[in-house]
């Protein structure tokens, strides 16, 4: 099943899943959870880093356009890097539970390292999320803008990225063997 057309169709569905889940979780205001990269992680673990990066980039270019907030487009870099990191890890190791947790921890640091400078440049560090409260407290206590914006992002990403990686790993384990490459089994 690993022909190019099938991979592209599944990747398009993953973009839709990222946008739908990200929008739902955001509207429900669930703290420390985004799920806007679950499709990216799934595709990267299943088909490799370049497909994952493409799904991530396309998601974060389309979602801001669809939501009417094009200022968020630069965040496509974060989701593309998530696809690369997961894809390279899954290519080297089986994407089982242990690797999913380790990958989630890595992503919880890498994503904010890339996203924080974007958030600081585009929004001055404030993004309209619950992280803004912690950002404000840290800034009032004397923390630099980057530090105040970075720390709450790591905390939120720990929960989100580990959970997203675990869900992707679980789904991949449940797929029929003809849908996955032998390296992911």
Protein backbone atom coordinates (compact mmCIF):
# COMPACT_ATOMS: atom_id res chain seq x y z
CA UNK A 1 0.00 0.00 0.00
CA UNK A 2 3.02 2.24 0.23
CA UNK A 3 2.48 3.72 -3.23
CA UNK A 4 2.80 7.45 -3.62
CA UNK A 5 -0.90 8.18 -4.27
CA UNK A 6 -2.00 6.33 -1.15
CA UNK A 7 0.60 8.10 0.96
CA UNK A 8 -0.53 11.48 -0.38
CA UNK A 9 -4.19 10.71 0.37
CA UNK A 10 -3.38 9.60 3.92
CA UNK A 11 -1.17 12.66 4.35
CA UNK A 12 -4.00 14.95 3.25
CA UNK A 13 -6.24 13.27 5.84
CA UNK A 14 -3.52 13.87 8.46
CA UNK A 15 -3.51 17.60 7.60
CA UNK A 16 -7.28 17.65 8.10
CA UNK A 17 -6.94 15.79 11.40
CA UNK A 18 -4.33 18.30 12.61
CA UNK A 19 -6.58 21.24 11.75
CA UNK A 20 -9.78 19.71 13.16
CA UNK A 21 -8.22 18.43 16.40
CA UNK A 22 -6.22 21.63 16.90
CA UNK A 23 -9.34 23.74 16.41
CA UNK A 24 -11.51 21.57 18.67
CA UNK A 25 -8.99 21.48 21.52
CA UNK A 26 -8.40 25.23 21.20
CA UNK A 27 -12.11 26.02 21.28
CA UNK A 28 -12.65 23.68 24.22
CA UNK A 29 -9.76 25.47 25.97
CA UNK A 30 -8.24 22.26 27.27
CA UNK A 31 -5.12 23.28 29.19
CA UNK A 32 -1.72 21.82 28.23
CA UNK A 33 -3.18 20.13 25.14
CA UNK A 34 -3.12 21.11 21.47
CA UNK A 35 -3.24 17.87 19.38
CA UNK A 36 -2.53 20.00 16.31
CA UNK A 37 0.51 17.90 15.40
CA UNK A 38 -0.94 14.41 15.90
CA UNK A 39 -1.37 13.88 12.15
CA UNK A 40 2.16 15.15 11.54
CA UNK A 41 3.60 12.74 14.10
CA UNK A 42 1.55 9.83 12.73
CA UNK A 43 2.64 10.43 9.12
CA UNK A 44 6.28 11.04 10.07
CA UNK A 45 6.45 7.82 12.08
CA UNK A 46 4.67 5.87 9.36
CA UNK A 47 6.16 7.26 6.14
CA UNK A 48 9.28 9.18 7.14
CA UNK A 49 10.60 12.64 7.90
CA UNK A 50 9.90 14.36 4.60
CA UNK A 51 6.24 13.36 4.47
CA UNK A 52 5.91 14.35 8.14
CA UNK A 53 7.55 17.73 7.51
CA UNK A 54 5.26 18.32 4.53
CA UNK A 55 2.13 17.50 6.54
CA UNK A 56 3.31 19.77 9.35
CA UNK A 57 4.15 22.68 7.07
CA UNK A 58 0.93 22.43 5.05
CA UNK A 59 -1.12 22.22 8.26
CA UNK A 60 0.38 25.39 9.69
CA UNK A 61 0.04 27.27 6.42
CA UNK A 62 -3.61 26.26 5.86
CA UNK A 63 -4.90 26.52 9.44
CA UNK A 64 -4.06 30.23 9.88
CA UNK A 65 -5.55 31.04 6.49
CA UNK A 66 -8.74 29.11 7.30
CA UNK A 67 -9.02 30.72 10.73
CA UNK A 68 -8.38 34.21 9.37
CA UNK A 69 -5.18 34.69 11.36
CA UNK A 70 -2.34 34.72 8.78
CA UNK A 71 0.09 36.06 11.42
CA UNK A 72 0.36 32.43 12.62
CA UNK A 73 1.78 31.16 9.30
CA UNK A 74 5.44 31.40 10.47
CA UNK A 75 4.69 28.64 12.97
CA UNK A 76 4.72 26.21 10.02
CA UNK A 77 8.43 25.84 10.74
CA UNK A 78 7.67 24.29 14.15
CA UNK A 79 5.32 21.64 12.80
CA UNK A 80 7.67 20.87 9.89
CA UNK A 81 10.54 20.29 12.33
CA UNK A 82 8.26 18.05 14.42
CA UNK A 83 7.77 15.93 11.29
CA UNK A 84 11.51 15.77 10.67
CA UNK A 85 12.41 14.86 14.26
CA UNK A 86 9.75 12.14 14.54
CA UNK A 87 10.48 10.81 11.08
CA UNK A 88 14.22 10.45 11.68
CA UNK A 89 13.69 8.85 15.09
CA UNK A 90 11.08 6.42 13.71
CA UNK A 91 13.37 5.60 10.80
CA UNK A 92 16.21 4.65 13.15
CA UNK A 93 14.13 2.96 15.90
CA UNK A 94 10.77 1.27 16.00
CA UNK A 95 8.18 3.83 17.09
CA UNK A 96 6.98 1.87 20.12
CA UNK A 97 5.83 3.18 23.47
CA UNK A 98 9.31 3.87 24.85
CA UNK A 99 10.42 5.71 21.70
CA UNK A 100 7.13 7.65 21.63
CA UNK A 101 7.69 8.93 25.17
CA UNK A 102 11.32 9.84 24.49
CA UNK A 103 10.34 11.52 21.22
CA UNK A 104 7.58 13.43 23.01
CA UNK A 105 10.09 14.77 25.54
CA UNK A 106 12.47 15.79 22.75
CA UNK A 107 9.63 17.55 20.91
CA UNK A 108 8.56 19.30 24.13
CA UNK A 109 11.93 21.06 24.09
CA UNK A 110 12.57 21.42 20.35
CA UNK A 111 9.13 22.84 19.45
CA UNK A 112 9.32 25.69 22.01
CA UNK A 113 12.94 26.42 21.04
CA UNK A 114 11.71 27.13 17.52
CA UNK A 115 8.25 28.48 18.35
CA UNK A 116 9.24 30.87 21.12
CA UNK A 117 11.31 33.22 18.95
CA UNK A 118 8.46 33.27 16.43
CA UNK A 119 5.93 34.05 19.19
CA UNK A 120 8.18 36.78 20.59
CA UNK A 121 8.72 38.33 17.16
CA UNK A 122 5.10 38.09 15.96
CA UNK A 123 3.23 38.67 19.24
CA UNK A 124 5.80 39.98 21.70
CA UNK A 125 5.59 36.66 23.57
CA UNK A 126 1.84 36.80 24.22
CA UNK A 127 -0.34 34.49 22.15
CA UNK A 128 -3.77 34.68 23.77
CA UNK A 129 -3.46 31.31 25.47
CA UNK A 130 -3.32 30.26 29.12
CA UNK A 131 0.47 30.50 28.84
CA UNK A 132 0.10 34.28 28.87
CA UNK A 133 -0.62 34.24 32.61
CA UNK A 134 2.65 32.44 33.36
CA UNK A 135 4.43 34.67 30.82
CA UNK A 136 3.17 37.78 32.64
CA UNK A 137 4.16 36.45 36.07
CA UNK A 138 7.64 35.56 34.84
CA UNK A 139 8.08 38.95 33.13
CA UNK A 140 6.98 40.79 36.31
CA UNK A 141 9.50 38.77 38.29
CA UNK A 142 12.28 40.00 36.00
CA UNK A 143 12.63 37.20 33.45
CA UNK A 144 13.71 38.07 29.93
CA UNK A 145 11.01 37.91 27.22
CA UNK A 146 12.38 34.71 25.64
CA UNK A 147 12.65 32.92 29.01
CA UNK A 148 9.18 34.04 30.08
CA UNK A 149 7.70 32.83 26.79
CA UNK A 150 9.75 29.60 26.63
CA UNK A 151 9.11 28.10 30.08
CA UNK A 152 5.30 27.84 29.84
CA UNK A 153 5.58 26.44 26.32
CA UNK A 154 7.78 23.58 27.50
CA UNK A 155 5.31 22.68 30.25
CA UNK A 156 2.37 22.62 27.84
CA UNK A 157 4.32 20.77 25.18
CA UNK A 158 5.40 18.02 27.58
CA UNK A 159 1.83 16.84 28.00
CA UNK A 160 0.75 17.46 24.41
CA UNK A 161 3.74 16.01 22.57
CA UNK A 162 4.09 12.90 24.74
CA UNK A 163 0.36 12.19 24.44
CA UNK A 164 0.39 12.85 20.68
CA UNK A 165 3.38 10.52 20.19
CA UNK A 166 1.75 7.81 22.30
CA UNK A 167 -1.50 8.06 20.34
CA UNK A 168 0.38 7.89 17.03
CA UNK A 169 2.39 4.88 18.24
CA UNK A 170 -0.80 3.15 19.39
CA UNK A 171 -2.53 3.79 16.05
CA UNK A 172 0.45 2.53 14.05
CA UNK A 173 0.57 -0.68 16.10
CA UNK A 174 -3.12 -1.24 15.31
CA UNK A 175 -2.81 -0.73 11.55
CA UNK A 176 -2.96 -3.81 9.32
CA UNK A 177 0.57 -4.81 8.26
CA UNK A 178 -0.03 -3.99 4.56
CA UNK A 179 -0.40 -0.29 5.48
CA UNK A 180 2.93 0.10 7.22
CA UNK A 181 6.52 -0.39 6.23
CA UNK A 182 8.43 -3.24 7.78
CA UNK A 183 10.72 -0.77 9.55
CA UNK A 184 7.80 0.47 11.71
CA UNK A 185 6.56 -2.94 12.84
